[in-house]
Amino acid sequence: MSPLDDIPLWLAVPVAGLVMLGATLTLIGAWGFLRMNSFYDRLHAPTLASSWGTGGVILGSALLASFQQGRPILHELMVGLGIMTTVPVTLMLLGRAALHRDRAEGTLPPAPGDDHPETRE
């Protein structure tokens, strides 16, 4: 017999929904990361997967742990807050560093809608 057998349905449904939401957002972010072609296009997808995908899983886990322990479990929310604030900032800094590198090398990325990058100056 598992301690998870005693979880009531009113708690199991939101926990499962949050975990499924987080897993779905992570899957969408991973699919977007694989589908995009350039480094600049790939910057957005991991942000979705890491921040909101992780947030759903963490919220579901915090609800379940709080019910099982009989007290609020807040340290998981602090981890989630750290992830949701650092991942977008890190990816923004990576994008700026790549843009700075490309400008210094003279190889700017093509502008949106530019079909022929070789004609650019």
N, C-alpha and C. Protein backbone atom coordinates (compact mmCIF):
# COMPACT_ATOMS: atom_id res chain seq x y z
N MET A 1 0.84 -1.18 0.00
CA MET A 1 0.00 0.00 0.00
C MET A 1 0.89 1.24 0.00
N SER A 2 0.55 2.18 -0.84
CA SER A 2 1.32 3.38 -1.03
C SER A 2 0.65 4.56 -0.33
N PRO A 3 1.42 5.54 0.14
CA PRO A 3 0.80 6.73 0.74
C PRO A 3 -0.04 7.50 -0.28
N LEU A 4 0.22 7.30 -1.56
CA LEU A 4 -0.56 7.99 -2.58
C LEU A 4 -1.96 7.40 -2.74
N ASP A 5 -2.21 6.22 -2.17
CA ASP A 5 -3.54 5.61 -2.24
C ASP A 5 -4.56 6.40 -1.42
N ASP A 6 -4.10 7.15 -0.42
CA ASP A 6 -4.99 7.90 0.46
C ASP A 6 -5.30 9.31 -0.03
N ILE A 7 -4.84 9.68 -1.22
CA ILE A 7 -5.08 11.02 -1.75
C ILE A 7 -6.54 11.12 -2.20
N PRO A 8 -7.29 12.11 -1.70
CA PRO A 8 -8.69 12.26 -2.13
C PRO A 8 -8.78 12.76 -3.58
N LEU A 9 -9.89 12.49 -4.21
CA LEU A 9 -10.10 12.86 -5.60
C LEU A 9 -10.08 14.37 -5.79
N TRP A 10 -10.59 15.14 -4.81
CA TRP A 10 -10.63 16.59 -4.95
C TRP A 10 -9.22 17.19 -5.01
N LEU A 11 -8.21 16.47 -4.52
CA LEU A 11 -6.83 16.93 -4.60
C LEU A 11 -6.10 16.31 -5.78
N ALA A 12 -6.42 15.06 -6.08
CA ALA A 12 -5.73 14.36 -7.16
C ALA A 12 -5.99 15.01 -8.52
N VAL A 13 -7.20 15.50 -8.73
CA VAL A 13 -7.54 16.10 -10.04
C VAL A 13 -6.75 17.39 -10.29
N PRO A 14 -6.71 18.36 -9.36
CA PRO A 14 -5.90 19.56 -9.65
C PRO A 14 -4.40 19.27 -9.73
N VAL A 15 -3.91 18.35 -8.91
CA VAL A 15 -2.49 18.01 -8.97
C VAL A 15 -2.16 17.39 -10.32
N ALA A 16 -2.99 16.44 -10.77
CA ALA A 16 -2.76 15.82 -12.07
C ALA A 16 -2.88 16.85 -13.19
N GLY A 17 -3.83 17.78 -13.07
CA GLY A 17 -3.99 18.83 -14.09
C GLY A 17 -2.78 19.74 -14.16
N LEU A 18 -2.24 20.13 -13.02
CA LEU A 18 -1.06 20.99 -13.00
C LEU A 18 0.17 20.28 -13.56
N VAL A 19 0.33 19.02 -13.19
CA VAL A 19 1.48 18.26 -13.70
C VAL A 19 1.35 18.06 -15.21
N MET A 20 0.14 17.76 -15.68
CA MET A 20 -0.07 17.59 -17.12
C MET A 20 0.13 18.91 -17.87
N LEU A 21 -0.32 20.02 -17.29
CA LEU A 21 -0.10 21.33 -17.90
C LEU A 21 1.39 21.63 -18.00
N GLY A 22 2.12 21.39 -16.92
CA GLY A 22 3.56 21.63 -16.93
C GLY A 22 4.28 20.73 -17.92
N ALA A 23 3.88 19.46 -17.98
CA ALA A 23 4.51 18.54 -18.92
C ALA A 23 4.19 18.91 -20.36
N THR A 24 2.97 19.38 -20.61
CA THR A 24 2.59 19.79 -21.96
C THR A 24 3.37 21.02 -22.40
N LEU A 25 3.50 22.00 -21.51
CA LEU A 25 4.27 23.19 -21.84
C LEU A 25 5.75 22.86 -22.07
N THR A 26 6.27 21.93 -21.30
CA THR A 26 7.65 21.50 -21.49
C THR A 26 7.81 20.80 -22.83
N LEU A 27 6.84 19.96 -23.20
CA LEU A 27 6.89 19.29 -24.49
C LEU A 27 6.80 20.29 -25.64
N ILE A 28 5.92 21.29 -25.53
CA ILE A 28 5.81 22.32 -26.56
C ILE A 28 7.13 23.09 -26.68
N GLY A 29 7.74 23.41 -25.56
CA GLY A 29 9.02 24.12 -25.59
C GLY A 29 10.12 23.29 -26.22
N ALA A 30 10.16 21.99 -25.91
CA ALA A 30 11.17 21.11 -26.50
C ALA A 30 10.93 20.95 -28.00
N TRP A 31 9.68 20.83 -28.40
CA TRP A 31 9.36 20.71 -29.82
C TRP A 31 9.74 21.99 -30.56
N GLY A 32 9.46 23.12 -29.97
CA GLY A 32 9.84 24.39 -30.58
C GLY A 32 11.35 24.55 -30.68
N PHE A 33 12.06 24.06 -29.69
CA PHE A 33 13.52 24.14 -29.71
C PHE A 33 14.08 23.29 -30.85
N LEU A 34 13.51 22.12 -31.07
CA LEU A 34 13.97 21.26 -32.16
C LEU A 34 13.55 21.79 -33.53
N ARG A 35 12.42 22.43 -33.59
CA ARG A 35 11.85 22.87 -34.87
C ARG A 35 12.49 24.14 -35.41
N MET A 36 12.91 25.02 -34.54
CA MET A 36 13.48 26.30 -34.98
C MET A 36 14.85 26.09 -35.61
N ASN A 37 15.20 26.98 -36.56
CA ASN A 37 16.42 26.79 -37.32
C ASN A 37 17.62 27.54 -36.76
N SER A 38 17.46 28.81 -36.44
CA SER A 38 18.63 29.60 -36.03
C SER A 38 18.69 29.72 -34.50
N PHE A 39 19.84 30.16 -34.05
CA PHE A 39 20.05 30.36 -32.62
C PHE A 39 19.06 31.37 -32.06
N TYR A 40 18.81 32.42 -32.80
CA TYR A 40 17.93 33.49 -32.34
C TYR A 40 16.48 33.01 -32.24
N ASP A 41 16.08 32.17 -33.17
CA ASP A 41 14.72 31.63 -33.11
C ASP A 41 14.55 30.67 -31.94
N ARG A 42 15.62 30.00 -31.58
CA ARG A 42 15.56 29.00 -30.51
C ARG A 42 15.56 29.58 -29.11
N LEU A 43 15.74 30.87 -28.96
CA LEU A 43 15.81 31.46 -27.63
C LEU A 43 14.49 31.43 -26.88
N HIS A 44 13.38 31.52 -27.57
CA HIS A 44 12.08 31.62 -26.89
C HIS A 44 11.58 30.28 -26.35
N ALA A 45 11.76 29.21 -27.09
CA ALA A 45 11.18 27.91 -26.72
C ALA A 45 11.68 27.39 -25.37
N PRO A 46 12.97 27.42 -25.06
CA PRO A 46 13.39 26.93 -23.75
C PRO A 46 12.87 27.77 -22.58
N THR A 47 12.59 29.04 -22.84
CA THR A 47 12.03 29.87 -21.79
C THR A 47 10.65 29.36 -21.38
N LEU A 48 9.83 29.03 -22.36
CA LEU A 48 8.51 28.47 -22.08
C LEU A 48 8.63 27.16 -21.33
N ALA A 49 9.49 26.29 -21.81
CA ALA A 49 9.63 24.97 -21.19
C ALA A 49 10.18 25.06 -19.77
N SER A 50 11.19 25.89 -19.59
CA SER A 50 11.84 25.93 -18.28
C SER A 50 11.04 26.69 -17.24
N SER A 51 10.41 27.78 -17.64
CA SER A 51 9.72 28.58 -16.63
C SER A 51 8.30 28.10 -16.38
N TRP A 52 7.43 28.16 -17.36
CA TRP A 52 6.03 27.81 -17.13
C TRP A 52 5.82 26.31 -17.02
N GLY A 53 6.60 25.53 -17.76
CA GLY A 53 6.49 24.08 -17.63
C GLY A 53 6.92 23.60 -16.25
N THR A 54 8.02 24.12 -15.79
CA THR A 54 8.48 23.78 -14.45
C THR A 54 7.53 24.31 -13.39
N GLY A 55 6.95 25.49 -13.64
CA GLY A 55 6.00 26.08 -12.69
C GLY A 55 4.79 25.20 -12.45
N GLY A 56 4.24 24.61 -13.51
CA GLY A 56 3.08 23.72 -13.34
C GLY A 56 3.41 22.49 -12.52
N VAL A 57 4.54 21.89 -12.80
CA VAL A 57 4.96 20.70 -12.05
C VAL A 57 5.23 21.05 -10.60
N ILE A 58 5.87 22.17 -10.36
CA ILE A 58 6.19 22.58 -8.99
C ILE A 58 4.92 22.89 -8.19
N LEU A 59 3.95 23.56 -8.81
CA LEU A 59 2.70 23.85 -8.11
C LEU A 59 1.96 22.57 -7.74
N GLY A 60 1.90 21.63 -8.67
CA GLY A 60 1.26 20.35 -8.38
C GLY A 60 1.98 19.60 -7.27
N SER A 61 3.29 19.62 -7.32
CA SER A 61 4.08 18.94 -6.29
C SER A 61 3.92 19.62 -4.92
N ALA A 62 3.86 20.94 -4.90
CA ALA A 62 3.69 21.66 -3.64
C ALA A 62 2.31 21.39 -3.03
N LEU A 63 1.28 21.32 -3.87
CA LEU A 63 -0.05 20.98 -3.35
C LEU A 63 -0.07 19.59 -2.73
N LEU A 64 0.50 18.64 -3.43
CA LEU A 64 0.50 17.26 -2.93
C LEU A 64 1.34 17.14 -1.66
N ALA A 65 2.51 17.74 -1.64
CA ALA A 65 3.37 17.67 -0.45
C ALA A 65 2.73 18.39 0.73
N SER A 66 2.06 19.50 0.47
CA SER A 66 1.39 20.22 1.56
C SER A 66 0.28 19.39 2.17
N PHE A 67 -0.46 18.67 1.35
CA PHE A 67 -1.52 17.82 1.86
C PHE A 67 -0.94 16.66 2.67
N GLN A 68 0.10 16.03 2.15
CA GLN A 68 0.68 14.88 2.83
C GLN A 68 1.36 15.25 4.14
N GLN A 69 2.01 16.42 4.18
CA GLN A 69 2.71 16.84 5.40
C GLN A 69 1.78 17.51 6.41
N GLY A 70 0.63 17.96 5.94
CA GLY A 70 -0.31 18.62 6.84
C GLY A 70 0.07 20.05 7.17
N ARG A 71 0.96 20.63 6.40
CA ARG A 71 1.39 22.01 6.59
C ARG A 71 1.80 22.57 5.23
N PRO A 72 1.82 23.89 5.08
CA PRO A 72 2.22 24.46 3.78
C PRO A 72 3.69 24.19 3.48
N ILE A 73 3.94 23.74 2.29
CA ILE A 73 5.31 23.51 1.82
C ILE A 73 5.64 24.64 0.86
N LEU A 74 6.52 25.52 1.26
CA LEU A 74 6.82 26.71 0.48
C LEU A 74 8.19 26.69 -0.20
N HIS A 75 9.07 25.78 0.21
CA HIS A 75 10.41 25.80 -0.37
C HIS A 75 10.37 25.43 -1.86
N GLU A 76 9.41 24.63 -2.29
CA GLU A 76 9.29 24.32 -3.72
C GLU A 76 8.89 25.55 -4.51
N LEU A 77 8.05 26.39 -3.92
CA LEU A 77 7.66 27.63 -4.59
C LEU A 77 8.84 28.58 -4.73
N MET A 78 9.74 28.57 -3.76
CA MET A 78 10.94 29.41 -3.85
C MET A 78 11.84 28.92 -4.99
N VAL A 79 11.97 27.61 -5.15
CA VAL A 79 12.74 27.07 -6.26
C VAL A 79 12.10 27.48 -7.58
N GLY A 80 10.77 27.37 -7.66
CA GLY A 80 10.07 27.78 -8.87
C GLY A 80 10.23 29.25 -9.18
N LEU A 81 10.19 30.08 -8.15
CA LEU A 81 10.39 31.52 -8.35
C LEU A 81 11.79 31.79 -8.88
N GLY A 82 12.76 31.08 -8.36
CA GLY A 82 14.13 31.24 -8.86
C GLY A 82 14.26 30.84 -10.32
N ILE A 83 13.64 29.74 -10.68
CA ILE A 83 13.69 29.29 -12.08
C ILE A 83 12.97 30.27 -12.99
N MET A 84 11.79 30.72 -12.57
CA MET A 84 10.99 31.60 -13.43
C MET A 84 11.61 32.99 -13.59
N THR A 85 12.51 33.38 -12.71
CA THR A 85 13.15 34.68 -12.87
C THR A 85 14.51 34.58 -13.55
N THR A 86 15.24 33.50 -13.35
CA THR A 86 16.59 33.43 -13.91
C THR A 86 16.63 32.93 -15.34
N VAL A 87 15.74 32.02 -15.73
CA VAL A 87 15.80 31.47 -17.08
C VAL A 87 15.55 32.53 -18.15
N PRO A 88 14.50 33.34 -18.07
CA PRO A 88 14.33 34.36 -19.12
C PRO A 88 15.46 35.38 -19.16
N VAL A 89 15.98 35.75 -18.00
CA VAL A 89 17.08 36.72 -17.97
C VAL A 89 18.33 36.11 -18.59
N THR A 90 18.61 34.85 -18.30
CA THR A 90 19.78 34.18 -18.86
C THR A 90 19.67 34.09 -20.37
N LEU A 91 18.50 33.72 -20.87
CA LEU A 91 18.35 33.60 -22.31
C LEU A 91 18.41 34.96 -23.00
N MET A 92 17.95 36.01 -22.33
CA MET A 92 18.07 37.35 -22.90
C MET A 92 19.56 37.74 -23.00
N LEU A 93 20.32 37.42 -21.96
CA LEU A 93 21.75 37.73 -21.99
C LEU A 93 22.47 36.92 -23.06
N LEU A 94 22.07 35.66 -23.25
CA LEU A 94 22.66 34.85 -24.32
C LEU A 94 22.36 35.46 -25.69
N GLY A 95 21.15 35.93 -25.88
CA GLY A 95 20.78 36.56 -27.14
C GLY A 95 21.58 37.82 -27.40
N ARG A 96 21.74 38.62 -26.37
CA ARG A 96 22.51 39.86 -26.53
C ARG A 96 23.98 39.56 -26.81
N ALA A 97 24.53 38.54 -26.15
CA ALA A 97 25.93 38.18 -26.39
C ALA A 97 26.11 37.66 -27.82
N ALA A 98 25.17 36.87 -28.30
CA ALA A 98 25.27 36.37 -29.67
C ALA A 98 25.13 37.50 -30.68
N LEU A 99 24.24 38.45 -30.43
CA LEU A 99 24.08 39.59 -31.32
C LEU A 99 25.34 40.45 -31.33
N HIS A 100 25.93 40.65 -30.16
CA HIS A 100 27.18 41.42 -30.07
C HIS A 100 28.29 40.71 -30.85
N ARG A 101 28.38 39.39 -30.70
CA ARG A 101 29.39 38.61 -31.43
C ARG A 101 29.17 38.72 -32.94
N ASP A 102 27.93 38.58 -33.37
CA ASP A 102 27.65 38.65 -34.81
C ASP A 102 27.91 40.04 -35.38
N ARG A 103 27.62 41.08 -34.62
CA ARG A 103 27.92 42.43 -35.08
C ARG A 103 29.43 42.66 -35.16
N ALA A 104 30.18 42.12 -34.21
CA ALA A 104 31.62 42.28 -34.22
C ALA A 104 32.26 41.53 -35.39
N GLU A 105 31.70 40.37 -35.73
CA GLU A 105 32.22 39.58 -36.85
C GLU A 105 31.68 40.04 -38.19
N GLY A 106 30.66 40.89 -38.16
CA GLY A 106 30.05 41.37 -39.40
C GLY A 106 29.07 40.39 -40.02
N THR A 107 28.63 39.43 -39.24
CA THR A 107 27.66 38.44 -39.74
C THR A 107 26.36 38.60 -38.99
N LEU A 108 25.63 39.66 -39.33
CA LEU A 108 24.35 39.89 -38.67
C LEU A 108 23.35 38.84 -39.10
N PRO A 109 22.45 38.46 -38.22
CA PRO A 109 21.41 37.51 -38.62
C PRO A 109 20.46 38.17 -39.61
N PRO A 110 19.81 37.37 -40.47
CA PRO A 110 18.87 37.97 -41.41
C PRO A 110 17.69 38.62 -40.69
N ALA A 111 17.21 39.70 -41.24
CA ALA A 111 16.05 40.38 -40.67
C ALA A 111 14.81 39.53 -40.89
N PRO A 112 13.80 39.68 -40.03
CA PRO A 112 12.57 38.91 -40.23
C PRO A 112 11.97 39.21 -41.60
N GLY A 113 11.65 38.16 -42.34
CA GLY A 113 11.07 38.31 -43.66
C GLY A 113 12.09 38.47 -44.76
N ASP A 114 13.37 38.46 -44.44
CA ASP A 114 14.42 38.59 -45.43
C ASP A 114 14.70 37.22 -46.03
N ASP A 115 14.32 37.03 -47.30
CA ASP A 115 14.47 35.72 -47.93
C ASP A 115 15.85 35.50 -48.51
N HIS A 116 16.58 36.58 -48.79
CA HIS A 116 17.88 36.46 -49.43
C HIS A 116 18.94 37.16 -48.59
N PRO A 117 19.50 36.46 -47.58
CA PRO A 117 20.48 37.13 -46.72
C PRO A 117 21.77 37.51 -47.45
N GLU A 118 22.07 36.87 -48.59
CA GLU A 118 23.31 37.19 -49.27
C GLU A 118 23.28 38.55 -49.96
N THR A 119 22.09 39.14 -50.12
CA THR A 119 21.99 40.45 -50.76
C THR A 119 22.13 41.59 -49.76
N ARG A 120 22.25 41.29 -48.49
CA ARG A 120 22.39 42.33 -47.48
C ARG A 120 23.81 42.86 -47.45
N GLU A 121 23.97 44.09 -47.04
CA GLU A 121 25.30 44.69 -46.94
C GLU A 121 25.84 44.53 -45.56
